[in-house]
Structures are given as structure tokens and as C-alpha cells.
Amino acid sequence: MHEAVLILLFAVNLTAFLLYGIDKKKAVQGNWRISESVLILAAVLGGGIGAYIGMRFFHHKTRKLVFAVGVPLIILAEYGAYAVSCLHS
């Protein structure tokens, strides 16, 4: 069970990272973009670390307050939920 959760978290974080990269590329090219709600949702669904690394690596969405503050808060919430779950195990 533990391995499956780690694999799922890796996949979600990789997906979030790639979404930020794809959106940055589309922004530079002036093409259709990935919606901000999808980018935030990827972080909320467990991809907070991948989203944050994607923001920094691709220099994307770092000036928007909802991302600059929201993604780190999502990460803190994810770690908080993990810590609480460990206490109840």
C-alpha cells in the first residue's frame, strides 16, 4: 500500500511539473493555454511540490499572487495532512 501511494504521488507531481512547463511553452509561443484552475488543481491533488518546482524551473506564474502564495500554502497543507495521518496510524 505504501509503495502505491508513493508511486501515485510521484506521478501527480511529475504531471504538475510538466503542466507548468507545457503552459510556459504555450505562453511563449502565443498558443492556447492551460487554465490557471487546472494548474492549481494539479497542486491541490497532491502535486504541490511538482507545481512549485515547475514554477521555479520554468520561471512561470511566479509573479501571480495566487501561485506565489497559494502553491506553498498547498504544500504546507499537504504536509500537515500527512503529519496528522502519521499520528493516527
N, C-alpha and C. Protein backbone atom coordinates (compact mmCIF):
# COMPACT_ATOMS: atom_id res chain seq x y z
N MET A 1 0.83 -1.20 0.00
CA MET A 1 0.00 0.00 0.00
C MET A 1 0.86 1.25 0.00
N HIS A 2 1.88 1.30 0.85
CA HIS A 2 2.75 2.46 0.95
C HIS A 2 3.44 2.76 -0.38
N GLU A 3 3.92 1.72 -1.06
CA GLU A 3 4.57 1.91 -2.36
C GLU A 3 3.62 2.50 -3.38
N ALA A 4 2.38 2.05 -3.38
CA ALA A 4 1.39 2.54 -4.34
C ALA A 4 1.13 4.03 -4.13
N VAL A 5 1.08 4.46 -2.88
CA VAL A 5 0.87 5.88 -2.58
C VAL A 5 2.06 6.70 -3.06
N LEU A 6 3.27 6.21 -2.83
CA LEU A 6 4.45 6.93 -3.30
C LEU A 6 4.50 7.03 -4.82
N ILE A 7 4.14 5.95 -5.49
CA ILE A 7 4.11 5.98 -6.96
C ILE A 7 3.06 6.97 -7.45
N LEU A 8 1.90 6.98 -6.82
CA LEU A 8 0.84 7.92 -7.19
C LEU A 8 1.29 9.36 -6.96
N LEU A 9 1.89 9.64 -5.82
CA LEU A 9 2.38 11.00 -5.54
C LEU A 9 3.46 11.42 -6.53
N PHE A 10 4.34 10.51 -6.88
CA PHE A 10 5.36 10.82 -7.88
C PHE A 10 4.71 11.18 -9.21
N ALA A 11 3.73 10.38 -9.63
CA ALA A 11 3.04 10.62 -10.91
C ALA A 11 2.30 11.96 -10.90
N VAL A 12 1.62 12.27 -9.81
CA VAL A 12 0.89 13.53 -9.72
C VAL A 12 1.85 14.72 -9.74
N ASN A 13 2.96 14.61 -9.03
CA ASN A 13 3.94 15.69 -9.00
C ASN A 13 4.63 15.86 -10.35
N LEU A 14 4.94 14.77 -11.01
CA LEU A 14 5.53 14.85 -12.35
C LEU A 14 4.55 15.49 -13.32
N THR A 15 3.28 15.11 -13.22
CA THR A 15 2.25 15.71 -14.07
C THR A 15 2.14 17.20 -13.84
N ALA A 16 2.13 17.62 -12.57
CA ALA A 16 2.05 19.05 -12.25
C ALA A 16 3.25 19.78 -12.83
N PHE A 17 4.43 19.24 -12.64
CA PHE A 17 5.65 19.84 -13.18
C PHE A 17 5.55 20.01 -14.70
N LEU A 18 5.12 18.96 -15.36
CA LEU A 18 5.01 19.00 -16.83
C LEU A 18 3.94 19.99 -17.29
N LEU A 19 2.83 20.09 -16.55
CA LEU A 19 1.78 21.05 -16.91
C LEU A 19 2.31 22.48 -16.89
N TYR A 20 3.11 22.80 -15.89
CA TYR A 20 3.69 24.15 -15.81
C TYR A 20 4.65 24.38 -16.98
N GLY A 21 5.41 23.37 -17.34
CA GLY A 21 6.33 23.50 -18.48
C GLY A 21 5.59 23.65 -19.79
N ILE A 22 4.56 22.87 -19.98
CA ILE A 22 3.77 22.96 -21.21
C ILE A 22 3.09 24.31 -21.31
N ASP A 23 2.53 24.79 -20.19
CA ASP A 23 1.86 26.09 -20.21
C ASP A 23 2.84 27.21 -20.50
N LYS A 24 4.03 27.14 -19.95
CA LYS A 24 5.05 28.16 -20.23
C LYS A 24 5.41 28.17 -21.71
N LYS A 25 5.60 27.00 -22.28
CA LYS A 25 5.94 26.91 -23.70
C LYS A 25 4.82 27.50 -24.55
N LYS A 26 3.58 27.17 -24.21
CA LYS A 26 2.44 27.70 -24.95
C LYS A 26 2.35 29.21 -24.79
N ALA A 27 2.68 29.73 -23.62
CA ALA A 27 2.63 31.18 -23.39
C ALA A 27 3.66 31.89 -24.27
N VAL A 28 4.85 31.33 -24.34
CA VAL A 28 5.91 31.93 -25.16
C VAL A 28 5.53 31.91 -26.63
N GLN A 29 4.90 30.84 -27.06
CA GLN A 29 4.51 30.70 -28.46
C GLN A 29 3.21 31.42 -28.80
N GLY A 30 2.50 31.90 -27.78
CA GLY A 30 1.23 32.57 -28.02
C GLY A 30 0.09 31.63 -28.36
N ASN A 31 0.22 30.39 -27.97
CA ASN A 31 -0.80 29.38 -28.26
C ASN A 31 -1.83 29.27 -27.14
N TRP A 32 -2.82 28.40 -27.36
CA TRP A 32 -3.83 28.08 -26.36
C TRP A 32 -3.13 27.66 -25.08
N ARG A 33 -3.67 28.06 -23.92
CA ARG A 33 -3.02 27.84 -22.64
C ARG A 33 -3.80 26.87 -21.76
N ILE A 34 -3.10 26.32 -20.80
CA ILE A 34 -3.72 25.51 -19.76
C ILE A 34 -4.31 26.48 -18.75
N SER A 35 -5.54 26.26 -18.33
CA SER A 35 -6.18 27.21 -17.42
C SER A 35 -5.50 27.22 -16.06
N GLU A 36 -5.55 28.37 -15.41
CA GLU A 36 -4.95 28.51 -14.09
C GLU A 36 -5.61 27.57 -13.09
N SER A 37 -6.91 27.33 -13.26
CA SER A 37 -7.60 26.43 -12.33
C SER A 37 -7.06 25.01 -12.44
N VAL A 38 -6.69 24.58 -13.63
CA VAL A 38 -6.11 23.25 -13.81
C VAL A 38 -4.73 23.19 -13.16
N LEU A 39 -3.95 24.25 -13.31
CA LEU A 39 -2.62 24.29 -12.71
C LEU A 39 -2.71 24.23 -11.18
N ILE A 40 -3.63 24.98 -10.60
CA ILE A 40 -3.83 24.95 -9.15
C ILE A 40 -4.38 23.59 -8.72
N LEU A 41 -5.32 23.04 -9.50
CA LEU A 41 -5.90 21.74 -9.17
C LEU A 41 -4.82 20.65 -9.12
N ALA A 42 -3.87 20.72 -10.04
CA ALA A 42 -2.78 19.74 -10.03
C ALA A 42 -2.01 19.80 -8.71
N ALA A 43 -1.83 21.01 -8.18
CA ALA A 43 -1.15 21.16 -6.90
C ALA A 43 -2.02 20.63 -5.76
N VAL A 44 -3.29 20.95 -5.79
CA VAL A 44 -4.22 20.53 -4.73
C VAL A 44 -4.36 19.01 -4.68
N LEU A 45 -4.28 18.36 -5.81
CA LEU A 45 -4.46 16.90 -5.86
C LEU A 45 -3.22 16.12 -5.43
N GLY A 46 -2.26 16.82 -4.82
CA GLY A 46 -1.06 16.15 -4.32
C GLY A 46 0.20 16.52 -5.06
N GLY A 47 0.09 17.39 -6.04
CA GLY A 47 1.24 17.77 -6.84
C GLY A 47 1.85 19.11 -6.47
N GLY A 48 1.75 19.48 -5.21
CA GLY A 48 2.26 20.77 -4.76
C GLY A 48 3.75 20.95 -5.00
N ILE A 49 4.52 19.94 -4.67
CA ILE A 49 5.98 20.02 -4.86
C ILE A 49 6.31 20.12 -6.35
N GLY A 50 5.66 19.30 -7.17
CA GLY A 50 5.90 19.36 -8.61
C GLY A 50 5.50 20.70 -9.20
N ALA A 51 4.39 21.26 -8.71
CA ALA A 51 3.96 22.58 -9.17
C ALA A 51 4.97 23.64 -8.78
N TYR A 52 5.43 23.60 -7.55
CA TYR A 52 6.40 24.59 -7.08
C TYR A 52 7.71 24.50 -7.85
N ILE A 53 8.20 23.29 -8.03
CA ILE A 53 9.44 23.11 -8.80
C ILE A 53 9.24 23.56 -10.24
N GLY A 54 8.08 23.25 -10.82
CA GLY A 54 7.77 23.70 -12.18
C GLY A 54 7.74 25.21 -12.28
N MET A 55 7.15 25.87 -11.28
CA MET A 55 7.11 27.33 -11.27
C MET A 55 8.52 27.90 -11.29
N ARG A 56 9.38 27.36 -10.46
CA ARG A 56 10.76 27.87 -10.36
C ARG A 56 11.60 27.48 -11.58
N PHE A 57 11.49 26.24 -12.00
CA PHE A 57 12.31 25.75 -13.11
C PHE A 57 11.98 26.47 -14.42
N PHE A 58 10.68 26.65 -14.68
CA PHE A 58 10.26 27.27 -15.93
C PHE A 58 10.04 28.78 -15.79
N HIS A 59 10.26 29.32 -14.60
CA HIS A 59 10.02 30.75 -14.33
C HIS A 59 8.62 31.13 -14.81
N HIS A 60 7.65 30.40 -14.30
CA HIS A 60 6.27 30.54 -14.77
C HIS A 60 5.32 30.70 -13.60
N LYS A 61 4.47 31.72 -13.67
CA LYS A 61 3.44 32.01 -12.67
C LYS A 61 4.03 32.45 -11.34
N THR A 62 5.28 32.87 -11.32
CA THR A 62 5.92 33.24 -10.06
C THR A 62 5.50 34.62 -9.56
N ARG A 63 4.96 35.47 -10.42
CA ARG A 63 4.54 36.81 -10.01
C ARG A 63 3.07 36.88 -9.63
N LYS A 64 2.32 35.86 -10.00
CA LYS A 64 0.89 35.86 -9.67
C LYS A 64 0.72 35.41 -8.23
N LEU A 65 0.03 36.24 -7.45
CA LEU A 65 -0.11 36.01 -6.01
C LEU A 65 -0.75 34.66 -5.70
N VAL A 66 -1.75 34.28 -6.48
CA VAL A 66 -2.44 33.02 -6.20
C VAL A 66 -1.48 31.83 -6.33
N PHE A 67 -0.47 31.96 -7.17
CA PHE A 67 0.52 30.89 -7.32
C PHE A 67 1.68 31.07 -6.35
N ALA A 68 2.20 32.29 -6.25
CA ALA A 68 3.36 32.56 -5.40
C ALA A 68 3.08 32.26 -3.93
N VAL A 69 1.84 32.51 -3.49
CA VAL A 69 1.46 32.23 -2.11
C VAL A 69 0.67 30.93 -2.02
N GLY A 70 -0.20 30.72 -2.98
CA GLY A 70 -1.11 29.57 -2.93
C GLY A 70 -0.42 28.23 -3.00
N VAL A 71 0.55 28.07 -3.90
CA VAL A 71 1.20 26.77 -4.04
C VAL A 71 2.00 26.42 -2.78
N PRO A 72 2.78 27.34 -2.20
CA PRO A 72 3.44 26.98 -0.93
C PRO A 72 2.45 26.65 0.19
N LEU A 73 1.32 27.35 0.23
CA LEU A 73 0.30 27.02 1.24
C LEU A 73 -0.29 25.63 1.00
N ILE A 74 -0.47 25.29 -0.26
CA ILE A 74 -0.96 23.94 -0.60
C ILE A 74 0.03 22.89 -0.11
N ILE A 75 1.32 23.16 -0.32
CA ILE A 75 2.36 22.22 0.14
C ILE A 75 2.30 22.07 1.66
N LEU A 76 2.19 23.19 2.36
CA LEU A 76 2.08 23.12 3.82
C LEU A 76 0.86 22.32 4.26
N ALA A 77 -0.25 22.51 3.58
CA ALA A 77 -1.47 21.77 3.90
C ALA A 77 -1.27 20.27 3.64
N GLU A 78 -0.60 19.95 2.53
CA GLU A 78 -0.35 18.54 2.21
C GLU A 78 0.53 17.89 3.28
N TYR A 79 1.59 18.60 3.67
CA TYR A 79 2.46 18.05 4.71
C TYR A 79 1.76 17.97 6.05
N GLY A 80 0.91 18.95 6.34
CA GLY A 80 0.12 18.91 7.57
C GLY A 80 -0.80 17.71 7.60
N ALA A 81 -1.48 17.46 6.49
CA ALA A 81 -2.38 16.31 6.40
C ALA A 81 -1.59 15.01 6.54
N TYR A 82 -0.41 14.97 5.96
CA TYR A 82 0.44 13.78 6.08
C TYR A 82 0.86 13.56 7.54
N ALA A 83 1.26 14.65 8.20
CA ALA A 83 1.69 14.56 9.59
C ALA A 83 0.55 14.07 10.48
N VAL A 84 -0.64 14.59 10.25
CA VAL A 84 -1.81 14.17 11.04
C VAL A 84 -2.10 12.70 10.79
N SER A 85 -2.01 12.29 9.55
CA SER A 85 -2.29 10.88 9.23
C SER A 85 -1.28 9.96 9.88
N CYS A 86 -0.03 10.42 9.99
CA CYS A 86 1.00 9.61 10.65
C CYS A 86 0.72 9.49 12.15
N LEU A 87 0.19 10.53 12.74
CA LEU A 87 -0.12 10.49 14.17
C LEU A 87 -1.24 9.50 14.46
N HIS A 88 -2.14 9.34 13.52
CA HIS A 88 -3.30 8.46 13.73
C HIS A 88 -3.05 7.03 13.23
N SER A 89 -1.86 6.77 12.76
CA SER A 89 -1.55 5.41 12.27
C SER A 89 -1.03 4.53 13.36
